[in-house]
N, C-alpha and C. Protein backbone atom coordinates (compact mmCIF):
# COMPACT_ATOMS: atom_id res chain seq x y z
N MET A 1 28.29 29.75 -89.04
CA MET A 1 28.57 29.17 -88.51
C MET A 1 28.15 28.84 -86.74
N GLN A 2 28.58 28.05 -86.38
CA GLN A 2 27.66 27.45 -85.21
C GLN A 2 29.26 27.69 -83.77
N ARG A 3 28.63 28.07 -82.40
CA ARG A 3 29.69 27.85 -81.61
C ARG A 3 29.42 26.48 -80.90
N ASN A 4 31.30 26.21 -80.77
CA ASN A 4 30.77 24.91 -79.68
C ASN A 4 30.24 25.12 -79.21
N GLN A 5 29.49 24.21 -78.69
CA GLN A 5 28.58 24.05 -76.83
C GLN A 5 29.23 23.29 -76.23
N LYS A 6 28.76 24.31 -74.72
CA LYS A 6 29.95 23.92 -73.36
C LYS A 6 29.47 22.81 -73.12
N SER A 7 30.54 22.00 -72.22
CA SER A 7 30.23 20.65 -71.16
C SER A 7 29.40 21.22 -70.10
N VAL A 8 28.52 20.71 -69.47
CA VAL A 8 27.54 20.68 -68.04
C VAL A 8 29.14 21.46 -66.72
N ALA A 9 30.17 20.66 -67.21
CA ALA A 9 31.23 21.26 -66.78
C ALA A 9 31.97 22.80 -66.27
N GLU A 10 31.49 23.00 -67.87
CA GLU A 10 31.57 24.34 -67.55
C GLU A 10 30.69 25.62 -67.33
N TYR A 11 30.18 24.68 -67.81
CA TYR A 11 28.90 25.87 -66.95
C TYR A 11 28.74 26.42 -65.99
N ASP A 12 28.50 24.77 -64.83
CA ASP A 12 29.02 24.95 -63.75
C ASP A 12 30.09 25.65 -63.37
N ALA A 13 30.83 25.56 -63.60
CA ALA A 13 33.06 26.28 -63.47
C ALA A 13 32.43 28.16 -63.55
N GLN A 14 31.66 28.32 -64.91
CA GLN A 14 30.97 30.55 -64.42
C GLN A 14 30.06 30.38 -63.83
N ILE A 15 28.84 29.54 -63.02
CA ILE A 15 28.14 29.55 -62.53
C ILE A 15 28.48 29.53 -60.98
N ALA A 16 29.27 28.98 -60.38
CA ALA A 16 30.55 28.96 -59.85
C ALA A 16 30.36 30.62 -59.56
N LYS A 17 31.37 30.53 -59.97
CA LYS A 17 32.44 32.01 -60.62
C LYS A 17 31.42 33.21 -60.21
N GLY A 18 29.84 33.13 -61.59
CA GLY A 18 29.11 34.00 -61.18
C GLY A 18 28.78 34.67 -59.45
N ASN A 19 28.39 32.92 -58.91
CA ASN A 19 27.85 33.12 -57.99
C ASN A 19 28.35 33.67 -56.98
N GLU A 20 29.72 33.41 -56.56
CA GLU A 20 30.75 34.04 -55.39
C GLU A 20 30.92 36.20 -56.30
N ALA A 21 31.04 36.06 -57.53
CA ALA A 21 31.15 37.71 -57.57
C ALA A 21 29.74 38.48 -57.05
N ALA A 22 29.07 37.75 -57.17
CA ALA A 22 27.92 38.61 -57.45
C ALA A 22 27.45 37.95 -55.13
N ALA A 23 28.28 37.04 -54.48
CA ALA A 23 28.16 37.31 -53.16
C ALA A 23 29.16 38.88 -52.58
N LEU A 24 29.81 38.95 -54.07
CA LEU A 24 31.56 40.56 -53.43
C LEU A 24 30.54 41.01 -53.85
N LEU A 25 29.30 41.33 -55.18
CA LEU A 25 29.17 42.56 -55.51
C LEU A 25 28.03 42.85 -53.64
N SER A 26 27.12 42.55 -53.70
CA SER A 26 26.39 42.39 -53.06
C SER A 26 26.97 42.66 -50.75
N ASN A 27 28.11 42.20 -50.92
CA ASN A 27 29.01 41.75 -49.58
C ASN A 27 28.69 43.83 -49.58
N PRO A 28 27.41 44.44 -48.40
CA PRO A 28 27.99 45.72 -46.87
C PRO A 28 29.70 46.20 -47.72
N LEU A 29 29.86 45.42 -46.93
CA LEU A 29 32.03 45.91 -46.57
C LEU A 29 32.17 46.42 -48.15
N LEU A 30 32.32 45.64 -48.28
CA LEU A 30 32.70 45.38 -49.60
C LEU A 30 32.86 46.61 -50.96
N THR A 31 31.22 46.41 -50.86
CA THR A 31 30.33 47.84 -51.94
C THR A 31 30.85 49.10 -51.06
N SER A 32 31.49 49.00 -50.28
CA SER A 32 31.43 50.41 -49.07
C SER A 32 32.55 50.36 -48.93
N THR A 33 33.47 49.75 -48.45
CA THR A 33 34.96 49.57 -49.42
C THR A 33 35.59 50.98 -50.28
N LEU A 34 34.87 50.06 -51.17
CA LEU A 34 35.00 49.98 -52.62
C LEU A 34 34.82 51.49 -52.94
N ASP A 35 33.88 51.58 -52.92
CA ASP A 35 33.09 53.23 -53.03
C ASP A 35 33.43 54.59 -52.73
N LYS A 36 34.23 53.62 -50.86
CA LYS A 36 35.32 55.10 -50.19
C LYS A 36 36.08 55.27 -51.29
N LEU A 37 36.82 54.38 -51.05
CA LEU A 37 38.45 53.88 -51.70
C LEU A 37 38.35 55.56 -52.72
N GLU A 38 37.75 54.57 -54.29
CA GLU A 38 37.25 55.17 -55.79
C GLU A 38 36.47 57.17 -55.03
N ALA A 39 36.18 56.85 -54.66
CA ALA A 39 35.74 58.75 -53.81
C ALA A 39 36.47 60.09 -53.27
N GLU A 40 37.49 58.73 -51.73
CA GLU A 40 39.00 59.50 -52.16
C GLU A 40 39.79 59.72 -52.86
N ALA A 41 39.82 58.44 -53.64
CA ALA A 41 41.03 58.95 -55.04
C ALA A 41 40.39 59.83 -55.93
N THR A 42 38.53 60.66 -56.61
CA THR A 42 38.37 61.39 -57.54
C THR A 42 38.54 62.53 -56.22
N GLN A 43 39.02 62.87 -55.00
CA GLN A 43 38.65 63.95 -54.42
C GLN A 43 40.79 64.71 -54.62
N LYS A 44 41.12 63.07 -54.97
CA LYS A 44 42.29 63.90 -54.45
C LYS A 44 42.81 64.27 -56.13
N MET A 45 41.92 63.50 -56.96
CA MET A 45 42.51 64.45 -58.41
C MET A 45 41.93 65.19 -58.43
N ILE A 46 40.80 65.93 -57.64
CA ILE A 46 40.51 67.09 -57.91
C ILE A 46 41.47 68.45 -57.15
N ASP A 47 41.60 68.06 -55.87
CA ASP A 47 42.15 68.39 -54.93
C ASP A 47 43.70 69.21 -54.96
N SER A 48 44.36 68.12 -55.53
CA SER A 48 45.92 67.54 -56.30
C SER A 48 46.46 68.68 -56.47
N LEU A 49 46.97 69.45 -56.07
CA LEU A 49 47.63 70.37 -58.15
C LEU A 49 49.65 70.12 -58.38
N VAL A 50 49.55 69.19 -57.56
CA VAL A 50 51.00 68.05 -58.69
C VAL A 50 49.58 67.01 -59.31
N LEU A 51 50.65 66.78 -60.76
CA LEU A 51 50.35 65.77 -62.10
C LEU A 51 50.09 64.55 -61.71
N SER A 52 51.95 64.76 -61.68
CA SER A 52 51.57 63.43 -60.69
C SER A 52 51.12 62.54 -60.03
N GLU A 53 50.78 63.25 -58.67
CA GLU A 53 49.58 62.65 -57.37
C GLU A 53 47.88 62.82 -58.11
N ARG A 54 47.71 63.65 -59.07
CA ARG A 54 46.74 63.24 -59.54
C ARG A 54 46.96 62.25 -60.80
N GLU A 55 47.39 62.01 -61.27
CA GLU A 55 47.40 60.76 -62.18
C GLU A 55 47.39 59.64 -61.27
N LEU A 56 48.78 59.09 -60.74
CA LEU A 56 48.11 58.33 -59.54
C LEU A 56 46.81 57.97 -59.08
N ALA A 57 45.80 58.40 -58.71
CA ALA A 57 44.41 58.92 -57.33
C ALA A 57 43.37 58.70 -59.06
N TRP A 58 44.20 59.22 -60.81
CA TRP A 58 42.87 58.57 -61.66
C TRP A 58 42.94 57.44 -62.13
N HIS A 59 43.80 56.50 -61.91
CA HIS A 59 44.75 55.48 -62.28
C HIS A 59 43.64 54.16 -60.80
N ARG A 60 44.18 55.46 -59.77
CA ARG A 60 43.35 54.28 -58.58
C ARG A 60 41.68 54.60 -58.82
N VAL A 61 40.82 55.12 -59.66
CA VAL A 61 39.30 55.52 -59.30
C VAL A 61 39.45 54.40 -60.34
N GLN A 62 40.10 54.37 -61.36
CA GLN A 62 40.17 53.27 -62.90
C GLN A 62 40.14 52.09 -62.32
N ALA A 63 41.36 51.20 -61.44
CA ALA A 63 41.10 50.15 -61.06
C ALA A 63 39.85 49.77 -60.17
N MET A 64 39.04 51.16 -59.27
CA MET A 64 37.47 50.13 -58.37
C MET A 64 37.05 50.09 -58.99
N ARG A 65 36.62 50.74 -60.54
CA ARG A 65 35.68 50.48 -60.93
C ARG A 65 36.11 49.61 -62.26
N ALA A 66 37.22 49.80 -62.28
CA ALA A 66 37.44 48.05 -63.89
C ALA A 66 36.93 46.96 -62.65
N LEU A 67 37.55 47.10 -61.53
CA LEU A 67 37.63 45.74 -60.58
C LEU A 67 35.79 45.15 -60.64
N LYS A 68 34.64 46.50 -60.17
CA LYS A 68 33.21 46.85 -60.04
C LYS A 68 32.70 46.23 -61.15
N ALA A 69 33.44 46.59 -62.24
CA ALA A 69 33.05 46.02 -64.05
C ALA A 69 33.08 43.95 -64.01
N GLU A 70 34.29 43.63 -63.95
CA GLU A 70 34.51 42.47 -63.92
C GLU A 70 33.83 41.60 -63.15
N LEU A 71 33.82 42.25 -61.50
CA LEU A 71 32.29 41.37 -60.53
C LEU A 71 31.55 41.54 -61.50
N GLN A 72 30.90 42.12 -62.02
CA GLN A 72 28.93 42.76 -62.13
C GLN A 72 29.79 41.17 -63.16
N THR A 73 30.43 41.22 -65.00
CA THR A 73 29.89 40.75 -66.08
C THR A 73 30.80 39.01 -65.62
N LEU A 74 31.39 38.91 -64.82
CA LEU A 74 31.40 37.43 -64.10
C LEU A 74 30.31 37.21 -63.60
N THR A 75 29.61 37.83 -62.84
CA THR A 75 27.15 37.74 -62.62
C THR A 75 26.96 37.35 -64.22
N ASN A 76 26.98 38.55 -64.13
CA ASN A 76 25.96 38.25 -66.09
C ASN A 76 26.56 36.79 -66.95
N THR A 77 27.03 36.46 -66.51
CA THR A 77 28.35 35.05 -67.43
C THR A 77 27.65 34.24 -66.57
N GLY A 78 27.87 34.37 -65.06
CA GLY A 78 27.13 32.76 -64.44
C GLY A 78 25.41 33.02 -64.43
N ARG A 79 25.21 33.93 -65.07
CA ARG A 79 23.38 34.13 -64.68
C ARG A 79 23.43 33.70 -67.03
N LEU A 80 23.36 34.09 -67.12
CA LEU A 80 23.54 33.09 -68.83
C LEU A 80 23.51 31.49 -69.33
N ALA A 81 25.18 31.43 -68.44
CA ALA A 81 25.88 29.70 -68.27
C ALA A 81 24.75 29.46 -67.68
N LYS A 82 23.77 29.29 -66.56
CA LYS A 82 23.47 29.19 -65.94
C LYS A 82 21.66 28.70 -66.52
N GLN A 83 21.33 29.38 -67.73
CA GLN A 83 20.72 29.56 -68.81
C GLN A 83 20.44 28.97 -69.94
N LYS A 84 21.82 28.32 -70.22
CA LYS A 84 22.03 27.78 -71.04
C LYS A 84 22.13 26.08 -70.91
N LYS A 85 22.91 25.83 -70.21
CA LYS A 85 23.16 24.98 -68.83
C LYS A 85 21.06 24.43 -69.11
N ASP A 86 20.57 25.54 -68.55
CA ASP A 86 19.07 24.86 -68.44
C ASP A 86 18.77 24.79 -69.67
N GLN A 87 18.58 25.21 -70.80
CA GLN A 87 17.86 25.11 -72.16
C GLN A 87 18.70 23.85 -72.66
N LEU A 88 19.86 23.72 -72.77
CA LEU A 88 21.15 21.74 -72.87
C LEU A 88 19.65 21.22 -71.95
N LYS A 89 19.45 21.23 -70.38
CA LYS A 89 18.96 19.82 -69.45
C LYS A 89 17.29 19.89 -70.46
N GLY A 90 17.02 20.49 -70.75
CA GLY A 90 15.62 20.60 -71.32
C GLY A 90 15.76 19.82 -72.78
N GLU A 91 16.69 19.74 -73.73
CA GLU A 91 16.47 19.50 -75.19
C GLU A 91 16.59 18.30 -74.62
């Protein structure tokens, strides 16, 4: 079974999103802020004696990691879309 091929406009949209995500991931202010928040939440998980505080900190760590992972996924999808778009042009 063959997948439906996307249009050039759909690839362009994915490429644009990927470029924006890559720019965010390469922004030192954003990455250092996310890293700081994750480190603080991790430390809170370690230090807290209250279960509800540890759970909240765990959720914060997971949120930071999910955000970073989603931005990386968008970046990778944009790169793949560019490759596929270039292949379309070559056909």
